[in-house]
C-alpha cells in the first residue's frame, strides 16, 4: 500500500467511527430476561396504537375489566420486516380493531407482554413474535392464565 492511500484509509475509518459514535446504542435483550414462560396469557382488547420499529415492533391494546376500567397493554412483536412478510401491516392492525393476543406476561407484572400469536375478530391469525430464544409455538389453551381484570373485552 502506498503511504498516501494508508493515510486516506485511516482518515475514512476515523470519520466513520465518529459518525457511528453519534448513533444511539440499542441493546437486544433475551426473551427470558423480560418475559416469563411460566405465565402464558391470552388477552382480548381493542388496538389503540401499533408501532412498527426496529428492533421490536409494539402493539398497544385497551383492555376493559368487568367494571369497565380500561388498562392499556403493550405487546412486543417481531421486526417490521418479519411482520410484513407474514402479512401484518399498519392497516391490518389499525386502531379500533378488536384482537386477541396469545403470548407471555412480563416478569415485572406490569401490563405488557410478548405476543406469539395475534388473532383478529374475523379469524385471521398472525405469528407476531420474533425473539430467537422465545417459545416457537403459541401457549396452549389449557396453560393460558389470565388475570381476572384482563379477561373482559371492551
C-alpha atoms as a PDB file:
ATOM      1  CA  UNK A   1       0.000   0.000   0.000  1.00  0.00           C
ATOM      2  CA  UNK A   2       1.161   3.477  -0.653  1.00  0.00           C
ATOM      3  CA  UNK A   3       1.647   5.866   2.204  1.00  0.00           C
ATOM      4  CA  UNK A   4      -0.932   8.288   0.809  1.00  0.00           C
ATOM      5  CA  UNK A   5      -3.568   5.522   0.489  1.00  0.00           C
ATOM      6  CA  UNK A   6      -2.892   4.404   4.079  1.00  0.00           C
ATOM      7  CA  UNK A   7      -3.450   7.938   5.408  1.00  0.00           C
ATOM      8  CA  UNK A   8      -6.650   8.290   3.397  1.00  0.00           C
ATOM      9  CA  UNK A   9      -7.950   4.938   4.627  1.00  0.00           C
ATOM     10  CA  UNK A  10      -7.090   5.828   8.223  1.00  0.00           C
ATOM     11  CA  UNK A  11      -8.929   9.141   7.864  1.00  0.00           C
ATOM     12  CA  UNK A  12     -12.036   7.471   6.468  1.00  0.00           C
ATOM     13  CA  UNK A  13     -12.063   4.933   9.320  1.00  0.00           C
ATOM     14  CA  UNK A  14     -11.715   7.662  11.957  1.00  0.00           C
ATOM     15  CA  UNK A  15     -14.538   9.715  10.438  1.00  0.00           C
ATOM     16  CA  UNK A  16     -16.725   6.624  10.174  1.00  0.00           C
ATOM     17  CA  UNK A  17     -16.107   5.841  13.832  1.00  0.00           C
ATOM     18  CA  UNK A  18     -17.058   9.373  14.843  1.00  0.00           C
ATOM     19  CA  UNK A  19     -20.263   9.102  12.805  1.00  0.00           C
ATOM     20  CA  UNK A  20     -21.274   5.862  14.484  1.00  0.00           C
ATOM     21  CA  UNK A  21     -20.474   7.253  17.932  1.00  0.00           C
ATOM     22  CA  UNK A  22     -23.398   9.646  17.463  1.00  0.00           C
ATOM     23  CA  UNK A  23     -25.940   6.880  16.929  1.00  0.00           C
ATOM     24  CA  UNK A  24     -27.976   5.697  19.923  1.00  0.00           C
ATOM     25  CA  UNK A  25     -26.971   2.327  21.280  1.00  0.00           C
ATOM     26  CA  UNK A  26     -29.662  -0.299  21.081  1.00  0.00           C
ATOM     27  CA  UNK A  27     -29.079  -3.408  23.091  1.00  0.00           C
ATOM     28  CA  UNK A  28     -31.091  -6.539  22.445  1.00  0.00           C
ATOM     29  CA  UNK A  29     -32.453  -8.415  25.424  1.00  0.00           C
ATOM     30  CA  UNK A  30     -33.153 -12.093  25.785  1.00  0.00           C
ATOM     31  CA  UNK A  31     -36.797 -13.223  25.907  1.00  0.00           C
ATOM     32  CA  UNK A  32     -36.270 -14.882  29.281  1.00  0.00           C
ATOM     33  CA  UNK A  33     -34.791 -11.709  30.796  1.00  0.00           C
ATOM     34  CA  UNK A  34     -38.030  -9.782  30.360  1.00  0.00           C
ATOM     35  CA  UNK A  35     -40.838 -12.300  29.854  1.00  0.00           C
ATOM     36  CA  UNK A  36     -41.935 -15.325  31.880  1.00  0.00           C
ATOM     37  CA  UNK A  37     -42.515 -18.601  30.002  1.00  0.00           C
ATOM     38  CA  UNK A  38     -44.430 -19.805  33.079  1.00  0.00           C
ATOM     39  CA  UNK A  39     -47.007 -17.014  32.698  1.00  0.00           C
ATOM     40  CA  UNK A  40     -48.763 -17.562  29.363  1.00  0.00           C
ATOM     41  CA  UNK A  41     -51.574 -15.091  28.740  1.00  0.00           C
ATOM     42  CA  UNK A  42     -54.470 -14.591  26.377  1.00  0.00           C
ATOM     43  CA  UNK A  43     -55.930 -11.104  26.288  1.00  0.00           C
ATOM     44  CA  UNK A  44     -58.633  -9.571  24.124  1.00  0.00           C
ATOM     45  CA  UNK A  45     -58.914  -5.848  23.564  1.00  0.00           C
ATOM     46  CA  UNK A  46     -59.096  -3.018  21.068  1.00  0.00           C
ATOM     47  CA  UNK A  47     -55.976  -1.676  19.356  1.00  0.00           C
ATOM     48  CA  UNK A  48     -55.019   1.825  20.434  1.00  0.00           C
ATOM     49  CA  UNK A  49     -51.645   2.023  18.658  1.00  0.00           C
ATOM     50  CA  UNK A  50     -49.298  -0.066  16.524  1.00  0.00           C
ATOM     51  CA  UNK A  51     -45.646   0.958  16.242  1.00  0.00           C
ATOM     52  CA  UNK A  52     -43.503  -0.645  13.537  1.00  0.00           C
ATOM     53  CA  UNK A  53     -39.934  -0.055  14.668  1.00  0.00           C
ATOM     54  CA  UNK A  54     -36.652  -1.924  14.986  1.00  0.00           C
ATOM     55  CA  UNK A  55     -35.560  -3.987  16.769  1.00  0.00           C
ATOM     56  CA  UNK A  56     -39.093  -4.769  18.076  1.00  0.00           C
ATOM     57  CA  UNK A  57     -42.481  -3.530  16.986  1.00  0.00           C
ATOM     58  CA  UNK A  58     -45.125  -2.884  19.644  1.00  0.00           C
ATOM     59  CA  UNK A  59     -48.902  -3.262  19.692  1.00  0.00           C
ATOM     60  CA  UNK A  60     -50.936  -1.462  22.355  1.00  0.00           C
ATOM     61  CA  UNK A  61     -54.463  -2.555  23.194  1.00  0.00           C
ATOM     62  CA  UNK A  62     -57.103  -1.239  25.562  1.00  0.00           C
ATOM     63  CA  UNK A  63     -58.493  -3.985  27.764  1.00  0.00           C
ATOM     64  CA  UNK A  64     -61.591  -3.414  29.918  1.00  0.00           C
ATOM     65  CA  UNK A  65     -62.239  -5.368  33.106  1.00  0.00           C
ATOM     66  CA  UNK A  66     -65.695  -6.447  34.320  1.00  0.00           C
ATOM     67  CA  UNK A  67     -66.200  -2.997  35.908  1.00  0.00           C
ATOM     68  CA  UNK A  68     -65.364  -1.131  32.699  1.00  0.00           C
ATOM     69  CA  UNK A  69     -61.934   0.010  33.907  1.00  0.00           C
ATOM     70  CA  UNK A  70     -59.562   0.138  30.940  1.00  0.00           C
ATOM     71  CA  UNK A  71     -55.894  -0.817  31.073  1.00  0.00           C
ATOM     72  CA  UNK A  72     -53.584  -0.204  28.135  1.00  0.00           C
ATOM     73  CA  UNK A  73     -51.423  -3.274  27.485  1.00  0.00           C
ATOM     74  CA  UNK A  74     -48.280  -3.255  25.349  1.00  0.00           C
ATOM     75  CA  UNK A  75     -47.078  -6.318  23.438  1.00  0.00           C
ATOM     76  CA  UNK A  76     -43.662  -6.800  21.914  1.00  0.00           C
ATOM     77  CA  UNK A  77     -43.734  -8.065  18.338  1.00  0.00           C
ATOM     78  CA  UNK A  78     -41.023  -9.018  15.867  1.00  0.00           C
ATOM     79  CA  UNK A  79     -39.249  -6.719  13.425  1.00  0.00           C
ATOM     80  CA  UNK A  80     -41.216  -4.726  10.833  1.00  0.00           C
ATOM     81  CA  UNK A  81     -39.676  -6.783   8.004  1.00  0.00           C
ATOM     82  CA  UNK A  82     -40.653 -10.103   9.589  1.00  0.00           C
ATOM     83  CA  UNK A  83     -44.168  -8.864  10.302  1.00  0.00           C
ATOM     84  CA  UNK A  84     -44.684  -7.567   6.750  1.00  0.00           C
ATOM     85  CA  UNK A  85     -43.535 -10.922   5.372  1.00  0.00           C
ATOM     86  CA  UNK A  86     -46.327 -12.529   7.442  1.00  0.00           C
ATOM     87  CA  UNK A  87     -48.945 -10.093   6.163  1.00  0.00           C
ATOM     88  CA  UNK A  88     -49.005  -7.770   9.171  1.00  0.00           C
ATOM     89  CA  UNK A  89     -49.228  -4.069   8.293  1.00  0.00           C
ATOM     90  CA  UNK A  90     -50.476  -0.873   9.928  1.00  0.00           C
ATOM     91  CA  UNK A  91     -53.723  -1.402   8.004  1.00  0.00           C
ATOM     92  CA  UNK A  92     -54.074  -4.968   9.318  1.00  0.00           C
ATOM     93  CA  UNK A  93     -53.691  -3.788  12.907  1.00  0.00           C
ATOM     94  CA  UNK A  94     -55.369  -0.397  12.705  1.00  0.00           C
ATOM     95  CA  UNK A  95     -56.577   1.458  15.815  1.00  0.00           C
ATOM     96  CA  UNK A  96     -60.093   0.363  16.751  1.00  0.00           C
ATOM     97  CA  UNK A  97     -59.558  -3.234  15.604  1.00  0.00           C
ATOM     98  CA  UNK A  98     -60.514  -5.918  18.125  1.00  0.00           C
ATOM     99  CA  UNK A  99     -57.769  -8.527  18.648  1.00  0.00           C
ATOM    100  CA  UNK A 100     -56.850 -11.422  20.875  1.00  0.00           C
ATOM    101  CA  UNK A 101     -53.193 -11.753  21.841  1.00  0.00           C
ATOM    102  CA  UNK A 102     -51.628 -15.009  22.969  1.00  0.00           C
ATOM    103  CA  UNK A 103     -48.201 -14.809  24.485  1.00  0.00           C
ATOM    104  CA  UNK A 104     -46.316 -14.410  27.737  1.00  0.00           C
ATOM    105  CA  UNK A 105     -46.540 -11.868  30.522  1.00  0.00           C
ATOM    106  CA  UNK A 106     -43.714  -9.604  31.589  1.00  0.00           C
ATOM    107  CA  UNK A 107     -41.661 -10.718  34.576  1.00  0.00           C
ATOM    108  CA  UNK A 108     -42.343  -7.486  36.458  1.00  0.00           C
ATOM    109  CA  UNK A 109     -46.136  -7.944  36.387  1.00  0.00           C
ATOM    110  CA  UNK A 110     -46.772  -4.697  34.518  1.00  0.00           C
ATOM    111  CA  UNK A 111     -49.381  -4.687  31.734  1.00  0.00           C
ATOM    112  CA  UNK A 112     -47.110  -5.736  28.901  1.00  0.00           C
ATOM    113  CA  UNK A 113     -46.000  -8.959  27.366  1.00  0.00           C
ATOM    114  CA  UNK A 114     -44.562 -10.810  24.414  1.00  0.00           C
ATOM    115  CA  UNK A 115     -47.019 -11.754  21.662  1.00  0.00           C
ATOM    116  CA  UNK A 116     -46.578 -15.073  19.883  1.00  0.00           C
ATOM    117  CA  UNK A 117     -49.938 -15.016  18.106  1.00  0.00           C
ATOM    118  CA  UNK A 118     -52.378 -12.255  17.199  1.00  0.00           C
ATOM    119  CA  UNK A 119     -55.911 -13.216  16.176  1.00  0.00           C
ATOM    120  CA  UNK A 120     -58.278 -10.769  14.502  1.00  0.00           C
ATOM    121  CA  UNK A 121     -62.030 -10.854  15.070  1.00  0.00           C
ATOM    122  CA  UNK A 122     -62.528 -12.198  11.525  1.00  0.00           C
ATOM    123  CA  UNK A 123     -60.370 -15.242  12.394  1.00  0.00           C
ATOM    124  CA  UNK A 124     -57.124 -14.254  10.658  1.00  0.00           C
ATOM    125  CA  UNK A 125     -54.130 -15.367  12.705  1.00  0.00           C
ATOM    126  CA  UNK A 126     -50.599 -13.960  12.589  1.00  0.00           C
ATOM    127  CA  UNK A 127     -47.419 -15.219  14.223  1.00  0.00           C
ATOM    128  CA  UNK A 128     -46.121 -11.968  15.664  1.00  0.00           C
ATOM    129  CA  UNK A 129     -43.140 -12.909  17.823  1.00  0.00           C
ATOM    130  CA  UNK A 130     -39.567 -12.635  16.692  1.00  0.00           C
ATOM    131  CA  UNK A 131     -37.153 -13.240  19.552  1.00  0.00           C
ATOM    132  CA  UNK A 132     -34.756 -16.097  18.709  1.00  0.00           C
ATOM    133  CA  UNK A 133     -34.946 -17.539  22.236  1.00  0.00           C
ATOM    134  CA  UNK A 134     -38.737 -17.227  22.641  1.00  0.00           C
ATOM    135  CA  UNK A 135     -41.016 -20.265  22.580  1.00  0.00           C
ATOM    136  CA  UNK A 136     -41.761 -21.095  18.949  1.00  0.00           C
ATOM    137  CA  UNK A 137     -45.355 -22.190  19.453  1.00  0.00           C
ATOM    138  CA  UNK A 138     -48.322 -20.417  20.937  1.00  0.00           C
ATOM    139  CA  UNK A 139     -49.166 -21.088  24.575  1.00  0.00           C
ATOM    140  CA  UNK A 140     -51.611 -23.966  24.959  1.00  0.00           C
ATOM    141  CA  UNK A 141     -55.159 -23.036  25.880  1.00  0.00           C
ATOM    142  CA  UNK A 142     -55.021 -25.218  28.994  1.00  0.00           C
ATOM    143  CA  UNK A 143     -51.874 -23.486  30.196  1.00  0.00           C
ATOM    144  CA  UNK A 144     -53.065 -19.968  29.451  1.00  0.00           C
ATOM    145  CA  UNK A 145     -53.692 -17.980  32.593  1.00  0.00           C
ATOM    146  CA  UNK A 146     -55.135 -14.518  32.570  1.00  0.00           C
ATOM    147  CA  UNK A 147     -55.763 -12.139  35.427  1.00  0.00           C
ATOM    148  CA  UNK A 148     -59.485 -11.576  36.010  1.00  0.00           C
ATOM    149  CA  UNK A 149     -59.074  -7.903  35.184  1.00  0.00           C
ATOM    150  CA  UNK A 150     -57.813  -8.705  31.703  1.00  0.00           C
ATOM    151  CA  UNK A 151     -60.279 -11.359  30.573  1.00  0.00           C
ATOM    152  CA  UNK A 152     -63.085  -8.976  29.673  1.00  0.00           C
ATOM    153  CA  UNK A 153     -63.319  -7.238  26.360  1.00  0.00           C
ATOM    154  CA  UNK A 154     -64.372  -3.643  25.794  1.00  0.00           C
END
